[in-house]
Protein backbone atom coordinates (compact mmCIF):
# COMPACT_ATOMS: atom_id res chain seq x y z
CA MET A 1 0.00 0.00 0.00
CA THR A 2 1.33 3.44 -0.90
CA LEU A 3 2.26 6.04 1.69
CA ILE A 4 -0.65 8.24 0.60
CA ALA A 5 -3.09 5.35 0.86
CA SER A 6 -1.79 4.49 4.34
CA THR A 7 -2.23 8.09 5.45
CA VAL A 8 -5.77 8.17 4.14
CA LEU A 9 -6.51 4.85 5.86
CA VAL A 10 -5.54 6.35 9.21
CA ALA A 11 -7.66 9.42 8.53
CA ALA A 12 -10.61 7.27 7.53
CA ALA A 13 -10.27 5.19 10.69
CA ILE A 14 -10.77 8.22 12.92
CA CYS A 15 -13.89 9.26 11.08
CA THR A 16 -16.84 8.78 13.37
CA VAL A 17 -19.45 9.14 10.69
CA ALA A 18 -19.48 6.39 8.09
CA GLY A 19 -20.72 6.98 4.57
CA ALA A 20 -20.38 6.42 0.88
CA GLN A 21 -20.19 8.33 -2.40
CA ASP A 22 -23.18 9.42 -4.40
CA LEU A 23 -22.81 6.98 -7.20
CA PRO A 24 -25.61 5.75 -9.31
CA GLN A 25 -26.94 2.32 -8.56
CA ALA A 26 -26.25 -1.29 -8.76
CA THR A 27 -24.32 -3.46 -11.18
CA GLU A 28 -25.87 -3.96 -14.58
CA PRO A 29 -25.85 -7.71 -15.31
CA ALA A 30 -26.05 -7.07 -19.04
CA ALA A 31 -22.61 -5.44 -19.16
CA PRO A 32 -19.73 -7.82 -19.98
CA VAL A 33 -17.56 -6.27 -17.23
CA PRO A 34 -20.15 -4.31 -15.24
CA PRO A 35 -19.34 -1.48 -12.85
CA PRO A 36 -20.22 -2.16 -9.20
CA THR A 37 -22.66 0.72 -9.00
CA ALA A 38 -23.13 3.95 -10.76
CA PRO A 39 -20.46 6.52 -9.95
CA PRO A 40 -20.91 9.26 -7.46
CA SER A 41 -22.13 12.53 -8.70
CA ALA A 42 -20.58 15.84 -8.11
CA ASP A 43 -21.24 16.97 -4.58
CA GLN A 44 -21.72 20.60 -3.74
CA GLU A 45 -19.10 21.44 -1.11
CA ILE A 46 -20.29 24.45 0.81
CA VAL A 47 -16.95 24.49 2.63
CA ARG A 48 -15.07 25.56 -0.46
CA LEU A 49 -13.83 29.11 -0.44
CA PRO A 50 -15.26 31.08 -3.36
CA GLU A 51 -12.97 32.90 -5.70
CA PRO A 52 -12.48 36.26 -3.94
CA ASP A 53 -14.17 39.24 -5.53
CA ALA A 54 -13.05 42.00 -3.14
CA PRO A 55 -9.50 42.96 -2.16
CA SER A 56 -8.20 41.58 1.13
CA GLN A 57 -5.66 43.68 3.07
CA THR A 58 -4.06 40.76 4.91
CA PRO A 59 -2.90 37.67 2.98
CA LYS A 60 -4.66 34.52 4.15
CA PHE A 61 -3.57 30.95 3.59
CA LYS A 62 -5.59 27.97 4.77
CA LEU A 63 -5.07 24.20 4.56
CA GLY A 64 -8.20 22.13 5.03
CA LEU A 65 -9.16 18.50 5.54
CA GLY A 66 -12.59 16.95 5.20
CA ILE A 67 -13.58 13.39 6.15
CA ARG A 68 -16.94 12.09 4.98
CA GLY A 69 -19.11 9.02 5.29
CA ARG A 70 -22.56 8.03 4.09
CA ILE A 71 -25.62 5.86 4.46
CA ASP A 72 -27.36 4.74 1.27
CA MET A 73 -30.77 3.11 0.93
CA ARG A 74 -31.46 1.86 -2.57
CA PHE A 75 -35.00 0.61 -2.95
CA ASP A 76 -34.47 -0.65 -6.50
CA ASP A 77 -31.10 -2.37 -6.27
CA ALA A 78 -30.22 -5.61 -8.08
CA ARG A 79 -28.05 -8.64 -7.36
CA PRO A 80 -25.66 -9.99 -10.04
CA SER A 81 -28.36 -12.53 -10.92
CA GLY A 82 -30.76 -9.69 -11.70
CA GLU A 83 -32.94 -10.24 -8.61
CA ARG A 84 -34.27 -6.92 -7.27
CA TYR A 85 -34.05 -6.03 -3.59
CA THR A 86 -33.66 -3.09 -1.19
CA SER A 87 -30.06 -2.52 -0.09
CA THR A 88 -28.66 -0.47 2.79
CA HIS A 89 -25.01 0.57 2.96
CA LEU A 90 -23.08 2.30 5.74
CA SER A 91 -19.59 3.16 4.54
CA PHE A 92 -16.64 5.52 4.29
CA ASP A 93 -16.91 8.09 1.51
CA THR A 94 -13.88 10.30 0.96
CA VAL A 95 -11.00 12.35 2.34
CA ILE A 96 -10.75 15.86 0.86
CA VAL A 97 -7.58 17.96 1.09
CA THR A 98 -7.85 21.68 0.25
CA ALA A 99 -5.60 24.72 0.08
CA ASP A 100 -6.77 28.31 -0.31
CA TYR A 101 -4.90 31.62 -0.57
CA ASP A 102 -6.21 35.18 -0.79
CA SER A 103 -4.59 38.61 -0.72
CA SER A 104 -5.28 42.07 -2.11
CA THR A 105 -3.51 41.08 -5.34
CA PHE A 106 -3.42 37.30 -5.76
CA PHE A 107 -5.61 34.30 -4.93
CA GLY A 108 -5.59 30.56 -5.44
CA SER A 109 -7.44 27.38 -4.56
CA ALA A 110 -6.88 23.63 -4.91
CA GLU A 111 -8.66 20.44 -3.92
CA TYR A 112 -7.64 16.76 -4.07
CA ARG A 113 -9.82 13.74 -3.24
CA PHE A 114 -9.26 10.15 -2.09
CA TYR A 115 -11.84 7.36 -2.51
CA GLY A 116 -11.99 3.59 -2.06
CA ALA A 117 -12.75 0.96 0.62
CA ASN A 118 -16.53 1.15 0.38
CA PHE A 119 -19.40 -0.73 -1.27
CA ILE A 120 -18.97 1.19 -4.51
CA TYR A 121 -15.33 0.29 -5.02
CA GLY A 122 -15.51 -3.34 -3.90
CA ARG A 123 -13.45 -6.42 -4.68
CA ARG A 124 -16.20 -7.78 -6.89
CA ALA A 125 -15.52 -4.88 -9.25
CA GLY A 126 -11.79 -5.58 -9.29
CA TYR A 127 -10.66 -3.10 -6.64
CA ASP A 128 -8.31 -3.89 -3.76
CA ALA A 129 -10.67 -2.00 -1.44
CA TYR A 130 -8.42 0.35 0.53
CA PRO A 131 -8.86 4.10 1.13
CA GLY A 132 -7.05 6.18 -1.45
CA GLU A 133 -7.09 3.50 -4.15
CA ILE A 134 -8.98 5.94 -6.37
CA ASN A 135 -7.76 9.53 -6.18
CA PHE A 136 -7.84 12.59 -8.40
CA PRO A 137 -7.73 16.40 -8.33
CA ALA A 138 -10.97 18.36 -8.42
CA TYR A 139 -9.42 21.75 -9.26
CA ALA A 140 -6.22 23.77 -8.83
CA TYR A 141 -5.97 27.38 -10.00
CA ALA A 142 -4.35 30.72 -9.21
CA GLY A 143 -5.21 34.23 -10.26
CA ALA A 144 -4.64 37.96 -10.00
CA LYS A 145 -7.00 40.79 -9.13
CA ILE A 146 -6.55 43.43 -11.80
CA THR A 147 -8.99 45.81 -10.14
CA GLY A 148 -11.67 45.47 -7.49
CA SER A 149 -14.05 44.31 -10.20
CA ASP A 150 -11.79 42.40 -12.61
CA LYS A 151 -9.64 39.31 -12.23
CA VAL A 152 -7.94 36.60 -14.26
CA SER A 153 -7.51 32.94 -13.32
CA VAL A 154 -5.38 30.13 -14.73
CA GLY A 155 -5.16 26.40 -14.00
CA VAL A 156 -7.82 23.71 -13.64
CA LEU A 157 -10.73 25.99 -12.90
CA PRO A 158 -14.53 26.21 -13.22
CA VAL A 159 -15.94 26.40 -16.73
CA PRO A 160 -18.31 29.43 -16.69
CA PHE A 161 -21.56 27.79 -17.78
CA ASP A 162 -24.41 29.20 -15.66
CA GLU A 163 -23.55 29.06 -11.93
CA ARG A 164 -20.97 26.59 -10.70
CA TYR A 165 -23.77 24.78 -8.80
CA TRP A 166 -27.15 24.90 -10.52
CA GLY A 167 -29.07 23.85 -7.42
CA SER A 168 -28.75 23.04 -3.71
CA SER A 169 -28.51 19.23 -3.85
CA TRP A 170 -25.38 17.32 -2.91
CA TYR A 171 -26.01 15.30 -6.06
CA ASN A 172 -26.06 18.53 -8.08
CA THR A 173 -28.60 18.30 -10.92
CA LEU A 174 -28.96 16.36 -14.16
CA GLY A 175 -26.74 19.09 -15.60
CA PHE A 176 -23.84 17.38 -13.84
CA VAL A 177 -24.80 13.99 -15.32
CA TYR A 178 -24.63 15.51 -18.82
CA GLY A 179 -21.28 17.21 -18.25
CA LEU A 180 -22.41 20.84 -18.04
CA GLU A 181 -22.57 21.62 -14.30
CA GLU A 182 -19.59 22.04 -11.98
CA VAL A 183 -17.00 21.20 -14.62
CA TYR A 184 -13.31 22.02 -13.99
CA ASN A 185 -11.05 22.12 -17.05
CA ALA A 186 -7.51 23.31 -17.78
CA GLY A 187 -7.27 26.85 -19.13
CA MET A 188 -7.79 30.47 -18.14
CA SER A 189 -10.67 32.85 -17.55
CA TYR A 190 -11.41 36.54 -17.13
CA SER A 191 -14.30 37.85 -15.04
CA HIS A 192 -15.88 41.20 -14.28
CA THR A 193 -18.26 41.91 -11.41
CA GLY A 194 -19.82 45.07 -10.05
CA GLY A 195 -23.01 46.85 -10.97
CA PRO A 196 -26.01 45.04 -12.45
CA LEU A 197 -23.97 43.40 -15.23
CA SER A 198 -21.27 40.77 -14.69
CA PHE A 199 -19.62 38.29 -17.00
CA THR A 200 -16.97 35.56 -17.16
CA ALA A 201 -15.28 34.18 -20.28
CA GLY A 202 -12.76 31.39 -20.51
CA PHE A 203 -10.73 29.30 -22.93
CA PHE A 204 -9.73 25.75 -22.03
CA PRO A 205 -7.37 23.94 -24.44
CA THR A 206 -8.08 20.61 -22.74
CA THR A 207 -10.07 18.95 -19.97
CA GLY A 208 -8.89 18.49 -16.42
CA PRO A 209 -6.38 15.68 -15.85
CA ALA A 210 -7.39 12.14 -14.92
CA GLY A 211 -6.08 10.79 -11.62
CA PHE A 212 -5.50 7.24 -10.43
CA GLY A 213 -8.03 4.41 -10.73
CA ARG A 214 -8.87 1.30 -12.71
CA SER A 215 -10.98 2.83 -15.48
CA ARG A 216 -9.67 3.63 -18.93
CA ASP A 217 -10.04 7.41 -18.64
CA SER A 218 -12.62 8.24 -15.95
CA ALA A 219 -10.67 8.69 -12.69
CA ARG A 220 -11.71 12.34 -12.55
CA TYR A 221 -14.08 14.59 -10.61
CA SER A 222 -15.83 16.45 -13.44
CA VAL A 223 -17.97 14.62 -15.97
CA ASN A 224 -15.90 14.83 -19.17
CA ILE A 225 -16.10 13.28 -22.62
CA VAL A 226 -13.75 10.29 -22.30
CA LYS A 227 -12.50 6.99 -23.69
CA GLY A 228 -15.32 4.66 -22.66
CA ASP A 229 -14.64 1.42 -20.79
CA ALA A 230 -15.08 -2.06 -22.26
CA TYR A 231 -18.30 -2.81 -20.32
CA LEU A 232 -20.05 0.16 -21.97
CA PRO A 233 -22.43 -0.74 -24.83
CA ASP A 234 -21.57 1.06 -28.08
CA THR A 235 -18.56 2.55 -26.33
CA SER A 236 -16.70 5.44 -27.94
CA ALA A 237 -13.29 7.06 -27.41
CA ASN A 238 -13.19 10.84 -27.57
CA THR A 239 -11.55 13.82 -25.92
CA GLU A 240 -12.70 17.45 -25.76
CA ARG A 241 -10.41 20.28 -26.82
CA ASN A 242 -10.44 24.07 -27.45
CA ILE A 243 -13.36 24.83 -25.15
CA ALA A 244 -14.61 28.42 -25.30
CA ALA A 245 -17.25 29.18 -22.67
CA GLY A 246 -18.84 32.29 -21.24
CA ARG A 247 -21.58 33.51 -18.93
CA ILE A 248 -23.36 36.87 -18.73
CA GLN A 249 -25.48 37.76 -15.69
CA TYR A 250 -27.79 40.77 -15.31
CA GLN A 251 -29.43 41.80 -12.07
CA LEU A 252 -33.05 42.70 -12.82
CA GLY A 253 -33.88 43.74 -9.27
CA SER A 254 -32.65 43.59 -5.69
CA SER A 255 -33.74 43.98 -2.07
CA ALA A 256 -32.15 43.73 1.37
CA ARG A 257 -32.71 39.97 1.24
CA GLY A 258 -31.40 39.12 -2.24
CA SER A 259 -31.70 39.70 -5.96
CA LEU A 260 -33.47 38.68 -9.17
CA THR A 261 -30.82 37.66 -11.71
CA MET A 262 -30.94 36.40 -15.28
CA SER A 263 -28.03 34.43 -16.78
CA ALA A 264 -27.14 33.39 -20.33
CA SER A 265 -24.31 30.95 -21.12
CA ALA A 266 -22.62 29.35 -24.12
CA TRP A 267 -20.14 26.45 -24.57
CA LEU A 268 -18.34 25.74 -27.88
CA SER A 269 -15.65 23.08 -28.33
CA ASP A 270 -14.00 20.43 -30.52
CA VAL A 271 -14.52 16.71 -29.90
CA ARG A 272 -11.64 14.60 -31.19
CA ASN A 273 -12.21 10.88 -31.82
CA TYR A 274 -9.29 8.52 -31.14
CA ASP A 275 -10.57 5.73 -33.44
CA THR A 276 -11.35 7.72 -36.58
CA GLY A 277 -8.93 10.62 -36.12
CA ARG A 278 -11.74 13.01 -37.06
CA THR A 279 -12.94 16.03 -35.12
CA GLY A 280 -16.55 16.76 -34.23
CA SER A 281 -18.03 19.47 -32.05
CA ARG A 282 -20.01 20.32 -28.94
CA ARG A 283 -22.43 23.22 -28.68
CA ALA A 284 -24.37 24.04 -25.51
CA TYR A 285 -26.46 27.02 -24.44
CA ALA A 286 -28.32 27.83 -21.22
CA LEU A 287 -30.71 30.49 -19.95
CA SER A 288 -31.73 30.79 -16.30
CA ILE A 289 -33.42 33.10 -13.83
CA LYS A 290 -32.91 33.06 -10.06
CA ASP A 291 -34.85 34.95 -7.37
CA THR A 292 -33.46 35.14 -3.81
CA ARG A 293 -35.52 38.12 -2.65
CA ALA A 294 -38.24 36.11 -0.88
CA PRO A 295 -37.94 33.56 1.94
CA VAL A 296 -38.43 30.85 -0.69
CA ASN A 297 -35.65 31.04 -3.29
CA LEU A 298 -36.52 30.02 -6.83
CA LYS A 299 -34.50 29.01 -9.88
CA LEU A 300 -35.57 28.05 -13.40
CA LEU A 301 -33.14 26.89 -16.10
CA ALA A 302 -33.27 25.60 -19.66
CA ALA A 303 -30.18 24.18 -21.41
CA ARG A 304 -29.71 22.85 -24.93
CA GLN A 305 -26.78 20.58 -25.81
CA VAL A 306 -25.77 19.21 -29.22
CA VAL A 307 -22.67 17.02 -29.48
CA ALA A 308 -21.71 16.03 -33.04
CA PRO A 309 -19.06 13.32 -32.58
CA GLU A 310 -17.18 11.54 -35.35
CA ASN A 311 -17.40 8.09 -33.77
CA ALA A 312 -16.51 4.87 -35.53
CA GLY A 313 -19.99 3.61 -34.61
CA ARG A 314 -23.22 5.39 -33.76
CA ASN A 315 -23.24 9.17 -33.19
CA ASP A 316 -26.48 9.56 -31.25
CA LEU A 317 -24.66 8.79 -28.00
CA ILE A 318 -21.20 9.42 -26.55
CA ALA A 319 -19.20 8.12 -23.57
CA VAL A 320 -18.58 10.40 -20.58
CA GLY A 321 -17.05 9.55 -17.23
CA ASP A 322 -16.21 10.52 -13.66
CA TYR A 323 -15.34 8.85 -10.33
CA ASP A 324 -13.59 6.00 -12.19
CA PHE A 325 -16.66 4.89 -14.20
CA SER A 326 -17.97 5.74 -17.68
CA TYR A 327 -21.49 5.83 -19.13
CA ASN A 328 -23.31 7.00 -22.27
CA ILE A 329 -25.33 10.19 -22.71
CA ALA A 330 -27.55 11.30 -25.59
CA THR A 331 -25.74 13.67 -27.91
CA ARG A 332 -28.78 15.87 -28.60
CA SER A 333 -30.99 16.94 -25.71
CA THR A 334 -32.76 19.80 -23.95
CA MET A 335 -32.83 20.01 -20.16
CA LEU A 336 -35.46 21.78 -18.05
CA PHE A 337 -34.83 22.39 -14.35
CA GLY A 338 -36.64 24.11 -11.49
CA GLU A 339 -35.88 24.37 -7.77
CA ALA A 340 -37.38 25.96 -4.67
CA SER A 341 -35.38 26.27 -1.43
CA HIS A 342 -35.89 27.81 2.00
CA ALA A 343 -33.41 28.44 4.84
CA PHE A 344 -34.33 27.90 8.50
CA ASP A 345 -32.45 29.22 11.53
CA ALA A 346 -34.40 28.56 14.75
CA ARG A 347 -32.54 30.04 17.73
CA TRP A 348 -33.00 26.97 19.93
CA PHE A 349 -31.85 24.46 17.28
CA PRO A 350 -28.09 23.73 16.99
CA PHE A 351 -28.14 23.46 13.18
CA ARG A 352 -28.91 25.87 10.39
CA LEU A 353 -31.10 24.17 7.79
CA ASN A 354 -31.73 24.65 4.09
CA ALA A 355 -34.61 22.65 2.64
CA TYR A 356 -34.93 22.22 -1.12
CA ALA A 357 -37.01 20.46 -3.73
CA SER A 358 -36.29 20.24 -7.45
CA TYR A 359 -37.45 18.63 -10.67
CA ALA A 360 -35.40 18.10 -13.82
CA ARG A 361 -36.21 16.52 -17.16
CA VAL A 362 -33.93 15.83 -20.12
CA LEU A 363 -35.81 15.72 -23.44
CA LYS A 364 -33.84 13.60 -25.91
CA GLU A 365 -34.05 14.18 -29.62
CA ALA A 366 -33.10 10.73 -30.95
CA HIS A 367 -35.99 8.48 -31.91
CA GLY A 368 -36.76 5.87 -29.27
CA PHE A 369 -34.66 7.50 -26.53
CA ALA A 370 -36.62 7.72 -23.25
CA ASP A 371 -36.43 11.00 -21.32
CA THR A 372 -34.45 11.16 -18.08
CA GLN A 373 -36.25 12.65 -15.07
CA ARG A 374 -35.31 13.36 -11.45
CA ILE A 375 -37.19 14.62 -8.40
CA ASN A 376 -34.94 15.56 -5.48
CA ILE A 377 -36.14 16.50 -1.98
CA GLY A 378 -33.52 17.24 0.67
CA VAL A 379 -32.24 19.20 3.66
CA PHE A 380 -28.72 20.49 4.30
CA TRP A 381 -27.63 20.71 7.97
CA ASN A 382 -24.73 22.88 9.21
CA ASP A 383 -23.89 23.20 12.92
CA LYS A 384 -23.96 26.72 14.34
CA ALA A 385 -21.22 26.24 16.93
CA THR A 386 -18.29 25.54 14.59
CA GLY A 387 -19.65 25.25 11.05
CA ARG A 388 -17.49 22.13 10.66
CA ILE A 389 -20.25 19.50 10.71
CA LYS A 390 -22.15 19.25 7.44
CA VAL A 391 -24.91 16.75 6.68
CA TRP A 392 -27.00 16.24 3.57
CA THR A 393 -30.22 14.18 3.76
CA GLU A 394 -31.82 13.54 0.38
CA GLY A 395 -34.49 11.44 -1.26
CA LEU A 396 -34.52 10.87 -5.02
CA ILE A 397 -37.27 9.63 -7.31
CA ALA A 398 -36.01 9.21 -10.85
CA ARG A 399 -36.56 7.61 -14.23
CA ASN A 400 -33.73 6.60 -16.59
CA ASP A 401 -31.28 8.34 -14.25
CA PRO A 402 -27.77 6.78 -14.10
CA TYR A 403 -27.52 7.66 -10.41
CA VAL A 404 -30.82 6.17 -9.23
CA GLY A 405 -31.93 2.54 -9.48
CA ALA A 406 -30.40 -0.63 -10.87
CA GLY A 407 -30.14 -1.10 -14.61
CA GLN A 408 -29.89 2.61 -15.43
CA TYR A 409 -26.20 3.36 -15.30
CA SER A 410 -24.70 2.51 -18.69
CA SER A 411 -27.52 3.80 -20.90
CA GLY A 412 -30.02 5.62 -18.68
CA ALA A 413 -28.80 9.06 -19.82
CA ALA A 414 -28.74 7.87 -23.46
CA GLN A 415 -31.44 5.46 -24.75
CA GLY A 416 -32.82 5.07 -21.24
CA GLY A 417 -32.91 2.17 -18.79
CA ASP A 418 -36.09 0.22 -18.07
CA ASP A 419 -38.14 3.46 -18.12
CA ARG A 420 -39.49 2.87 -14.61
CA TRP A 421 -39.51 5.18 -11.60
CA LYS A 422 -36.78 4.30 -9.04
CA VAL A 423 -36.26 5.52 -5.46
CA SER A 424 -33.18 5.99 -3.27
CA ALA A 425 -32.23 7.89 -0.12
CA LEU A 426 -28.91 9.25 1.11
CA VAL A 427 -27.41 10.61 4.31
CA MET A 428 -23.99 12.17 3.68
CA ALA A 429 -22.12 13.41 6.76
CA GLY A 430 -18.75 15.09 7.03
CA TYR A 431 -16.43 16.88 9.42
CA TYR A 432 -14.20 19.61 8.00
CA PHE A 433 -11.04 20.75 9.79
């Protein structure tokens, strides 16, 4: 076992809250070499320091460590034989190492993650099952503040396509499943804030780097276009290059509580196929409106994505991957998303709460492809005393969603799975030093 893995094992052992990662669900018997479960989705880490917008007089540097665990209940799981049953898992999730710097002139942020030793990465799937066996960077960037309103960033940084997190859920939204939400790629960006109008534009020559795992190309945090694994039906092998992305936000109104903001985003890139040597394209656009002026916050979003790959086989689907697993998505789709959330802060209760409910639907253009749908109802808990304890409790009801229910992972986001509603529940708990 490597030194890093041994270190992580010790850290995991002191974790008092067990857990797991938010991966989709059970093994798909139809796959020749099936994944153990669907990979975890991107989780919204409230502990991350945002990129600083205002000058800071005193330089600040902070190293952070987060240890997480989880409880999963999967009401539509499946055994290798195909028999359906309800499964419950209590397991270690991840160790997160962070570094953040901020001054009046420069800033920077980095995050690295370690996974393994839980029911997702089990021996049945070919893993050795020790903490740190799967590890990869999430992001790592540095930047300079040109003025109080303008800054530049370089490194593996957020792609400016709508907000970094579209909603409140730890699972993020279906936008993450389709590779549009919370994506970190290698490049540079320029942003301007201040006044009612703000914008960010970036150019990313390549995707973020893959880390260490057993997959062909999917040991990564962000959902990227990848070389699909052998178990994937109609697998393809692509990489994304020359990504130009931008976001414009305009504040329509404001109050003491919050604001009403409209956002428009665009994403243009090349998609290079390893098998054919030809180059296709990706085009995505999004429009959203968010209102935080009332006690109940609201967000509505519509996003259109068209990927035109030059695959050796079919072009109505393409392989993407994250968390050391790959799956197919439809290349032409329109996503609709809506969320309502409300924060609670009772004086006598030791936790601040944020309750949220959302619905998302992906309308697929290809004939015979079943739409993907997700209903998410959850509550985020953060202790008032230290702010170090963070708990997400979520219930998901979904259809053809790679992350919910057995038999959906490989093709749920493409042709669809069994086109039935599936249910799962999650408790994700972490302590952040």
